[in-house]
């Protein structure tokens, strides 16, 4: 499985207690995230709603949807578990 390509200026959702960087230690970050029950990537994926007009080849559109969902997660994070890095 290929690691996602994340540019330095891109902000990525993580938890406040994950000691690994999803930007430079992706495998360790993902393993820790999963082992501690957060499943952050799956959480984001569950909240993304695609309609019939969605174009699977439109990477910019998917990035926009992902960013929208991440913002919603942060806005509704009453336990203050998530942060952007």
PDB file of N, CA and C in Angstrom:
ATOM      1  N   UNK A   1       0.842  -1.179   0.000  1.00  0.00           N
ATOM      2  CA  UNK A   1       0.000   0.000   0.000  1.00  0.00           C
ATOM      3  C   UNK A   1       0.884   1.238   0.000  1.00  0.00           C
ATOM      4  N   UNK A   2       0.572   2.167  -0.852  1.00  0.00           N
ATOM      5  CA  UNK A   2       1.357   3.396  -0.957  1.00  0.00           C
ATOM      6  C   UNK A   2       0.948   4.386   0.123  1.00  0.00           C
ATOM      7  N   UNK A   3       1.955   5.084   0.660  1.00  0.00           N
ATOM      8  CA  UNK A   3       1.671   6.138   1.614  1.00  0.00           C
ATOM      9  C   UNK A   3       1.121   7.338   0.861  1.00  0.00           C
ATOM     10  N   UNK A   4       0.194   8.080   1.471  1.00  0.00           N
ATOM     11  CA  UNK A   4      -0.333   9.262   0.783  1.00  0.00           C
ATOM     12  C   UNK A   4       0.749  10.312   0.620  1.00  0.00           C
ATOM     13  N   UNK A   5       0.647  11.064  -0.449  1.00  0.00           N
ATOM     14  CA  UNK A   5       1.591  12.151  -0.681  1.00  0.00           C
ATOM     15  C   UNK A   5       1.019  13.401  -0.036  1.00  0.00           C
ATOM     16  N   UNK A   6       1.735  13.920   0.943  1.00  0.00           N
ATOM     17  CA  UNK A   6       1.292  15.098   1.676  1.00  0.00           C
ATOM     18  C   UNK A   6       2.365  16.161   1.542  1.00  0.00           C
ATOM     19  N   UNK A   7       1.985  17.322   1.044  1.00  0.00           N
ATOM     20  CA  UNK A   7       2.955  18.404   0.916  1.00  0.00           C
ATOM     21  C   UNK A   7       3.162  19.069   2.264  1.00  0.00           C
ATOM     22  N   UNK A   8       4.273  19.734   2.409  1.00  0.00           N
ATOM     23  CA  UNK A   8       4.621  20.367   3.687  1.00  0.00           C
ATOM     24  C   UNK A   8       3.569  21.379   4.131  1.00  0.00           C
ATOM     25  N   UNK A   9       2.984  22.103   3.173  1.00  0.00           N
ATOM     26  CA  UNK A   9       2.021  23.132   3.549  1.00  0.00           C
ATOM     27  C   UNK A   9       0.615  22.586   3.812  1.00  0.00           C
ATOM     28  N   UNK A  10       0.350  21.339   3.465  1.00  0.00           N
ATOM     29  CA  UNK A  10      -0.954  20.738   3.721  1.00  0.00           C
ATOM     30  C   UNK A  10      -1.138  20.469   5.199  1.00  0.00           C
ATOM     31  N   UNK A  11      -2.298  20.794   5.714  1.00  0.00           N
ATOM     32  CA  UNK A  11      -2.614  20.469   7.094  1.00  0.00           C
ATOM     33  C   UNK A  11      -3.326  19.125   7.128  1.00  0.00           C
ATOM     34  N   UNK A  12      -2.990  18.329   8.137  1.00  0.00           N
ATOM     35  CA  UNK A  12      -3.504  16.974   8.243  1.00  0.00           C
ATOM     36  C   UNK A  12      -4.135  16.799   9.620  1.00  0.00           C
ATOM     37  N   UNK A  13      -5.256  16.089   9.667  1.00  0.00           N
ATOM     38  CA  UNK A  13      -5.939  15.830  10.925  1.00  0.00           C
ATOM     39  C   UNK A  13      -5.251  14.694  11.673  1.00  0.00           C
ATOM     40  N   UNK A  14      -5.039  14.903  12.963  1.00  0.00           N
ATOM     41  CA  UNK A  14      -4.489  13.874  13.831  1.00  0.00           C
ATOM     42  C   UNK A  14      -5.099  14.076  15.210  1.00  0.00           C
ATOM     43  N   UNK A  15      -4.731  13.222  16.131  1.00  0.00           N
ATOM     44  CA  UNK A  15      -5.199  13.368  17.502  1.00  0.00           C
ATOM     45  C   UNK A  15      -4.121  14.050  18.332  1.00  0.00           C
ATOM     46  N   UNK A  16      -4.532  14.660  19.420  1.00  0.00           N
ATOM     47  CA  UNK A  16      -3.582  15.416  20.235  1.00  0.00           C
ATOM     48  C   UNK A  16      -2.558  14.521  20.918  1.00  0.00           C
ATOM     49  N   UNK A  17      -2.872  13.241  21.072  1.00  0.00           N
ATOM     50  CA  UNK A  17      -1.979  12.348  21.807  1.00  0.00           C
ATOM     51  C   UNK A  17      -1.164  11.408  20.923  1.00  0.00           C
ATOM     52  N   UNK A  18      -1.310  11.507  19.617  1.00  0.00           N
ATOM     53  CA  UNK A  18      -0.524  10.636  18.735  1.00  0.00           C
ATOM     54  C   UNK A  18       0.893  11.195  18.637  1.00  0.00           C
ATOM     55  N   UNK A  19       1.900  10.402  19.041  1.00  0.00           N
ATOM     56  CA  UNK A  19       3.269  10.920  19.046  1.00  0.00           C
ATOM     57  C   UNK A  19       3.934  10.965  17.675  1.00  0.00           C
ATOM     58  N   UNK A  20       3.276  10.424  16.648  1.00  0.00           N
ATOM     59  CA  UNK A  20       3.870  10.349  15.320  1.00  0.00           C
ATOM     60  C   UNK A  20       3.270  11.388  14.384  1.00  0.00           C
ATOM     61  N   UNK A  21       4.072  11.810  13.423  1.00  0.00           N
ATOM     62  CA  UNK A  21       3.612  12.763  12.423  1.00  0.00           C
ATOM     63  C   UNK A  21       3.048  12.018  11.221  1.00  0.00           C
ATOM     64  N   UNK A  22       1.805  12.314  10.840  1.00  0.00           N
ATOM     65  CA  UNK A  22       1.264  11.661   9.650  1.00  0.00           C
ATOM     66  C   UNK A  22       1.978  12.100   8.377  1.00  0.00           C
ATOM     67  N   UNK A  23       2.712  13.205   8.447  1.00  0.00           N
ATOM     68  CA  UNK A  23       3.430  13.699   7.274  1.00  0.00           C
ATOM     69  C   UNK A  23       4.739  12.963   7.040  1.00  0.00           C
ATOM     70  N   UNK A  24       5.448  12.613   8.108  1.00  0.00           N
ATOM     71  CA  UNK A  24       6.767  12.002   7.918  1.00  0.00           C
ATOM     72  C   UNK A  24       6.901  10.617   8.528  1.00  0.00           C
ATOM     73  N   UNK A  25       5.930  10.203   9.333  1.00  0.00           N
ATOM     74  CA  UNK A  25       5.949   8.869   9.946  1.00  0.00           C
ATOM     75  C   UNK A  25       4.585   8.212   9.739  1.00  0.00           C
ATOM     76  N   UNK A  26       4.135   8.205   8.508  1.00  0.00           N
ATOM     77  CA  UNK A  26       2.761   7.796   8.221  1.00  0.00           C
ATOM     78  C   UNK A  26       2.422   6.399   8.752  1.00  0.00           C
ATOM     79  N   UNK A  27       3.244   5.407   8.476  1.00  0.00           N
ATOM     80  CA  UNK A  27       2.926   4.037   8.901  1.00  0.00           C
ATOM     81  C   UNK A  27       2.821   3.939  10.420  1.00  0.00           C
ATOM     82  N   UNK A  28       3.774   4.548  11.129  1.00  0.00           N
ATOM     83  CA  UNK A  28       3.734   4.540  12.584  1.00  0.00           C
ATOM     84  C   UNK A  28       2.515   5.304  13.092  1.00  0.00           C
ATOM     85  N   UNK A  29       2.240   6.456  12.477  1.00  0.00           N
ATOM     86  CA  UNK A  29       1.081   7.262  12.859  1.00  0.00           C
ATOM     87  C   UNK A  29      -0.212   6.464  12.695  1.00  0.00           C
ATOM     88  N   UNK A  30      -0.366   5.840  11.531  1.00  0.00           N
ATOM     89  CA  UNK A  30      -1.588   5.082  11.243  1.00  0.00           C
ATOM     90  C   UNK A  30      -1.745   3.902  12.200  1.00  0.00           C
ATOM     91  N   UNK A  31      -0.654   3.176  12.446  1.00  0.00           N
ATOM     92  CA  UNK A  31      -0.704   2.032  13.360  1.00  0.00           C
ATOM     93  C   UNK A  31      -1.121   2.501  14.761  1.00  0.00           C
ATOM     94  N   UNK A  32      -0.494   3.570  15.263  1.00  0.00           N
ATOM     95  CA  UNK A  32      -0.822   4.095  16.587  1.00  0.00           C
ATOM     96  C   UNK A  32      -2.279   4.552  16.633  1.00  0.00           C
ATOM     97  N   UNK A  33      -2.718   5.258  15.608  1.00  0.00           N
ATOM     98  CA  UNK A  33      -4.086   5.759  15.511  1.00  0.00           C
ATOM     99  C   UNK A  33      -5.082   4.601  15.577  1.00  0.00           C
ATOM    100  N   UNK A  34      -4.805   3.543  14.846  1.00  0.00           N
ATOM    101  CA  UNK A  34      -5.696   2.374  14.812  1.00  0.00           C
ATOM    102  C   UNK A  34      -5.673   1.630  16.150  1.00  0.00           C
ATOM    103  N   UNK A  35      -4.473   1.391  16.687  1.00  0.00           N
ATOM    104  CA  UNK A  35      -4.342   0.651  17.944  1.00  0.00           C
ATOM    105  C   UNK A  35      -5.004   1.370  19.113  1.00  0.00           C
ATOM    106  N   UNK A  36      -5.129   2.678  19.016  1.00  0.00           N
ATOM    107  CA  UNK A  36      -5.752   3.445  20.083  1.00  0.00           C
ATOM    108  C   UNK A  36      -7.220   3.771  19.808  1.00  0.00           C
ATOM    109  N   UNK A  37      -7.767   3.144  18.765  1.00  0.00           N
ATOM    110  CA  UNK A  37      -9.200   3.203  18.517  1.00  0.00           C
ATOM    111  C   UNK A  37      -9.735   4.450  17.846  1.00  0.00           C
ATOM    112  N   UNK A  38      -8.862   5.300  17.337  1.00  0.00           N
ATOM    113  CA  UNK A  38      -9.353   6.518  16.685  1.00  0.00           C
ATOM    114  C   UNK A  38      -9.820   6.272  15.254  1.00  0.00           C
ATOM    115  N   UNK A  39      -9.039   5.524  14.492  1.00  0.00           N
ATOM    116  CA  UNK A  39      -9.386   5.252  13.089  1.00  0.00           C
ATOM    117  C   UNK A  39      -9.728   6.542  12.344  1.00  0.00           C
ATOM    118  N   UNK A  40      -8.843   7.508  12.448  1.00  0.00           N
ATOM    119  CA  UNK A  40      -9.095   8.850  11.923  1.00  0.00           C
ATOM    120  C   UNK A  40      -9.394   8.848  10.430  1.00  0.00           C
ATOM    121  N   UNK A  41      -8.615   8.115   9.654  1.00  0.00           N
ATOM    122  CA  UNK A  41      -8.867   8.095   8.203  1.00  0.00           C
ATOM    123  C   UNK A  41     -10.241   7.505   7.891  1.00  0.00           C
ATOM    124  N   UNK A  42     -10.610   6.452   8.583  1.00  0.00           N
ATOM    125  CA  UNK A  42     -11.916   5.836   8.355  1.00  0.00           C
ATOM    126  C   UNK A  42     -13.047   6.767   8.802  1.00  0.00           C
ATOM    127  N   UNK A  43     -12.815   7.487   9.882  1.00  0.00           N
ATOM    128  CA  UNK A  43     -13.783   8.464  10.378  1.00  0.00           C
ATOM    129  C   UNK A  43     -14.052   9.528   9.317  1.00  0.00           C
ATOM    130  N   UNK A  44     -12.988  10.058   8.744  1.00  0.00           N
ATOM    131  CA  UNK A  44     -13.131  11.055   7.676  1.00  0.00           C
ATOM    132  C   UNK A  44     -13.886  10.449   6.492  1.00  0.00           C
ATOM    133  N   UNK A  45     -13.494   9.254   6.094  1.00  0.00           N
ATOM    134  CA  UNK A  45     -14.114   8.600   4.934  1.00  0.00           C
ATOM    135  C   UNK A  45     -15.613   8.370   5.157  1.00  0.00           C
ATOM    136  N   UNK A  46     -16.001   8.007   6.380  1.00  0.00           N
ATOM    137  CA  UNK A  46     -17.427   7.773   6.667  1.00  0.00           C
ATOM    138  C   UNK A  46     -18.246   9.048   6.531  1.00  0.00           C
ATOM    139  N   UNK A  47     -17.635  10.192   6.785  1.00  0.00           N
ATOM    140  CA  UNK A  47     -18.373  11.450   6.754  1.00  0.00           C
ATOM    141  C   UNK A  47     -18.422  12.100   5.377  1.00  0.00           C
ATOM    142  N   UNK A  48     -17.592  11.642   4.464  1.00  0.00           N
ATOM    143  CA  UNK A  48     -17.608  12.203   3.109  1.00  0.00           C
ATOM    144  C   UNK A  48     -18.821  11.659   2.365  1.00  0.00           C
ATOM    145  N   UNK A  49     -19.630  12.563   1.878  1.00  0.00           N
ATOM    146  CA  UNK A  49     -20.836  12.187   1.138  1.00  0.00           C
ATOM    147  C   UNK A  49     -20.616  12.527  -0.331  1.00  0.00           C
ATOM    148  N   UNK A  50     -20.656  11.491  -1.154  1.00  0.00           N
ATOM    149  CA  UNK A  50     -20.505  11.685  -2.595  1.00  0.00           C
ATOM    150  C   UNK A  50     -21.868  11.551  -3.247  1.00  0.00           C
ATOM    151  N   UNK A  51     -22.189  12.471  -4.119  1.00  0.00           N
ATOM    152  CA  UNK A  51     -23.448  12.343  -4.850  1.00  0.00           C
ATOM    153  C   UNK A  51     -23.158  11.876  -6.274  1.00  0.00           C
ATOM    154  N   UNK A  52     -24.203  11.700  -7.041  1.00  0.00           N
ATOM    155  CA  UNK A  52     -24.051  11.160  -8.398  1.00  0.00           C
ATOM    156  C   UNK A  52     -23.279  12.073  -9.335  1.00  0.00           C
ATOM    157  N   UNK A  53     -23.125  13.336  -8.975  1.00  0.00           N
ATOM    158  CA  UNK A  53     -22.377  14.261  -9.834  1.00  0.00           C
ATOM    159  C   UNK A  53     -20.880  14.229  -9.551  1.00  0.00           C
ATOM    160  N   UNK A  54     -20.465  13.453  -8.555  1.00  0.00           N
ATOM    161  CA  UNK A  54     -19.042  13.404  -8.201  1.00  0.00           C
ATOM    162  C   UNK A  54     -18.237  12.710  -9.297  1.00  0.00           C
ATOM    163  N   UNK A  55     -17.133  13.330  -9.676  1.00  0.00           N
ATOM    164  CA  UNK A  55     -16.228  12.788 -10.687  1.00  0.00           C
ATOM    165  C   UNK A  55     -15.028  12.162  -9.964  1.00  0.00           C
ATOM    166  N   UNK A  56     -14.872  10.853 -10.064  1.00  0.00           N
ATOM    167  CA  UNK A  56     -13.809  10.131  -9.362  1.00  0.00           C
ATOM    168  C   UNK A  56     -12.414  10.590  -9.771  1.00  0.00           C
ATOM    169  N   UNK A  57     -12.277  11.187 -10.934  1.00  0.00           N
ATOM    170  CA  UNK A  57     -10.976  11.665 -11.396  1.00  0.00           C
ATOM    171  C   UNK A  57     -10.673  13.089 -10.930  1.00  0.00           C
ATOM    172  N   UNK A  58     -11.605  13.710 -10.233  1.00  0.00           N
ATOM    173  CA  UNK A  58     -11.442  15.092  -9.788  1.00  0.00           C
ATOM    174  C   UNK A  58     -10.780  15.113  -8.415  1.00  0.00           C
ATOM    175  N   UNK A  59      -9.442  15.100  -8.397  1.00  0.00           N
ATOM    176  CA  UNK A  59      -8.705  15.084  -7.135  1.00  0.00           C
ATOM    177  C   UNK A  59      -8.945  16.356  -6.326  1.00  0.00           C
ATOM    178  N   UNK A  60      -9.070  17.496  -7.000  1.00  0.00           N
ATOM    179  CA  UNK A  60      -9.322  18.753  -6.305  1.00  0.00           C
ATOM    180  C   UNK A  60     -10.669  18.711  -5.591  1.00  0.00           C
ATOM    181  N   UNK A  61     -11.668  18.147  -6.242  1.00  0.00           N
ATOM    182  CA  UNK A  61     -12.994  18.029  -5.640  1.00  0.00           C
ATOM    183  C   UNK A  61     -12.972  17.155  -4.397  1.00  0.00           C
ATOM    184  N   UNK A  62     -12.239  16.052  -4.454  1.00  0.00           N
ATOM    185  CA  UNK A  62     -12.130  15.176  -3.297  1.00  0.00           C
ATOM    186  C   UNK A  62     -11.386  15.872  -2.161  1.00  0.00           C
ATOM    187  N   UNK A  63     -10.353  16.630  -2.487  1.00  0.00           N
ATOM    188  CA  UNK A  63      -9.613  17.378  -1.476  1.00  0.00           C
ATOM    189  C   UNK A  63     -10.528  18.408  -0.810  1.00  0.00           C
ATOM    190  N   UNK A  64     -11.362  19.069  -1.590  1.00  0.00           N
ATOM    191  CA  UNK A  64     -12.317  20.028  -1.036  1.00  0.00           C
ATOM    192  C   UNK A  64     -13.291  19.353  -0.082  1.00  0.00           C
ATOM    193  N   UNK A  65     -13.827  18.196  -0.496  1.00  0.00           N
ATOM    194  CA  UNK A  65     -14.754  17.455   0.362  1.00  0.00           C
ATOM    195  C   UNK A  65     -14.068  17.009   1.649  1.00  0.00           C
ATOM    196  N   UNK A  66     -12.845  16.525   1.517  1.00  0.00           N
ATOM    197  CA  UNK A  66     -12.087  16.075   2.687  1.00  0.00           C
ATOM    198  C   UNK A  66     -11.848  17.226   3.647  1.00  0.00           C
ATOM    199  N   UNK A  67     -11.438  18.368   3.123  1.00  0.00           N
ATOM    200  CA  UNK A  67     -11.201  19.540   3.974  1.00  0.00           C
ATOM    201  C   UNK A  67     -12.482  20.002   4.664  1.00  0.00           C
ATOM    202  N   UNK A  68     -13.591  19.921   3.969  1.00  0.00           N
ATOM    203  CA  UNK A  68     -14.878  20.297   4.558  1.00  0.00           C
ATOM    204  C   UNK A  68     -15.199  19.378   5.735  1.00  0.00           C
ATOM    205  N   UNK A  69     -15.006  18.081   5.542  1.00  0.00           N
ATOM    206  CA  UNK A  69     -15.276  17.110   6.603  1.00  0.00           C
ATOM    207  C   UNK A  69     -14.334  17.323   7.788  1.00  0.00           C
ATOM    208  N   UNK A  70     -13.068  17.567   7.513  1.00  0.00           N
ATOM    209  CA  UNK A  70     -12.101  17.812   8.595  1.00  0.00           C
ATOM    210  C   UNK A  70     -12.520  19.037   9.405  1.00  0.00           C
ATOM    211  N   UNK A  71     -12.946  20.083   8.728  1.00  0.00           N
ATOM    212  CA  UNK A  71     -13.421  21.279   9.440  1.00  0.00           C
ATOM    213  C   UNK A  71     -14.636  20.966  10.311  1.00  0.00           C
ATOM    214  N   UNK A  72     -15.540  20.140   9.796  1.00  0.00           N
ATOM    215  CA  UNK A  72     -16.719  19.746  10.576  1.00  0.00           C
ATOM    216  C   UNK A  72     -16.306  18.940  11.810  1.00  0.00           C
ATOM    217  N   UNK A  73     -15.341  18.045  11.652  1.00  0.00           N
ATOM    218  CA  UNK A  73     -14.852  17.261  12.789  1.00  0.00           C
ATOM    219  C   UNK A  73     -14.292  18.193  13.855  1.00  0.00           C
ATOM    220  N   UNK A  74     -13.467  19.144  13.446  1.00  0.00           N
ATOM    221  CA  UNK A  74     -12.864  20.069  14.400  1.00  0.00           C
ATOM    222  C   UNK A  74     -13.913  20.945  15.080  1.00  0.00           C
ATOM    223  N   UNK A  75     -14.901  21.394  14.329  1.00  0.00           N
ATOM    224  CA  UNK A  75     -15.955  22.239  14.895  1.00  0.00           C
ATOM    225  C   UNK A  75     -16.797  21.489  15.918  1.00  0.00           C
ATOM    226  N   UNK A  76     -16.951  20.188  15.736  1.00  0.00           N
ATOM    227  CA  UNK A  76     -17.792  19.382  16.621  1.00  0.00           C
ATOM    228  C   UNK A  76     -16.991  18.561  17.629  1.00  0.00           C
ATOM    229  N   UNK A  77     -15.722  18.837  17.753  1.00  0.00           N
ATOM    230  CA  UNK A  77     -14.827  18.087  18.638  1.00  0.00           C
ATOM    231  C   UNK A  77     -14.941  18.604  20.071  1.00  0.00           C
ATOM    232  N   UNK A  78     -16.020  18.254  20.742  1.00  0.00           N
ATOM    233  CA  UNK A  78     -16.267  18.758  22.095  1.00  0.00           C
ATOM    234  C   UNK A  78     -15.276  18.203  23.121  1.00  0.00           C
ATOM    235  N   UNK A  79     -14.656  17.079  22.830  1.00  0.00           N
ATOM    236  CA  UNK A  79     -13.667  16.495  23.750  1.00  0.00           C
ATOM    237  C   UNK A  79     -12.247  16.974  23.438  1.00  0.00           C
ATOM    238  N   UNK A  80     -12.120  17.803  22.410  1.00  0.00           N
ATOM    239  CA  UNK A  80     -10.829  18.359  21.995  1.00  0.00           C
ATOM    240  C   UNK A  80      -9.775  17.275  21.790  1.00  0.00           C
ATOM    241  N   UNK A  81     -10.128  16.304  20.969  1.00  0.00           N
ATOM    242  CA  UNK A  81      -9.266  15.159  20.679  1.00  0.00           C
ATOM    243  C   UNK A  81      -8.412  15.413  19.438  1.00  0.00           C
ATOM    244  N   UNK A  82      -8.918  16.180  18.494  1.00  0.00           N
ATOM    245  CA  UNK A  82      -8.268  16.340  17.199  1.00  0.00           C
ATOM    246  C   UNK A  82      -7.548  17.673  17.079  1.00  0.00           C
ATOM    247  N   UNK A  83      -6.558  17.672  16.188  1.00  0.00           N
ATOM    248  CA  UNK A  83      -5.813  18.899  15.863  1.00  0.00           C
ATOM    249  C   UNK A  83      -5.271  18.768  14.453  1.00  0.00           C
ATOM    250  N   UNK A  84      -4.877  19.887  13.877  1.00  0.00           N
ATOM    251  CA  UNK A  84      -4.246  19.901  12.567  1.00  0.00           C
ATOM    252  C   UNK A  84      -2.743  20.041  12.740  1.00  0.00           C
ATOM    253  N   UNK A  85      -1.998  19.322  11.914  1.00  0.00           N
ATOM    254  CA  UNK A  85      -0.529  19.452  11.918  1.00  0.00           C
ATOM    255  C   UNK A  85      -0.069  19.743  10.510  1.00  0.00           C
TER     256      UNK A  85
END
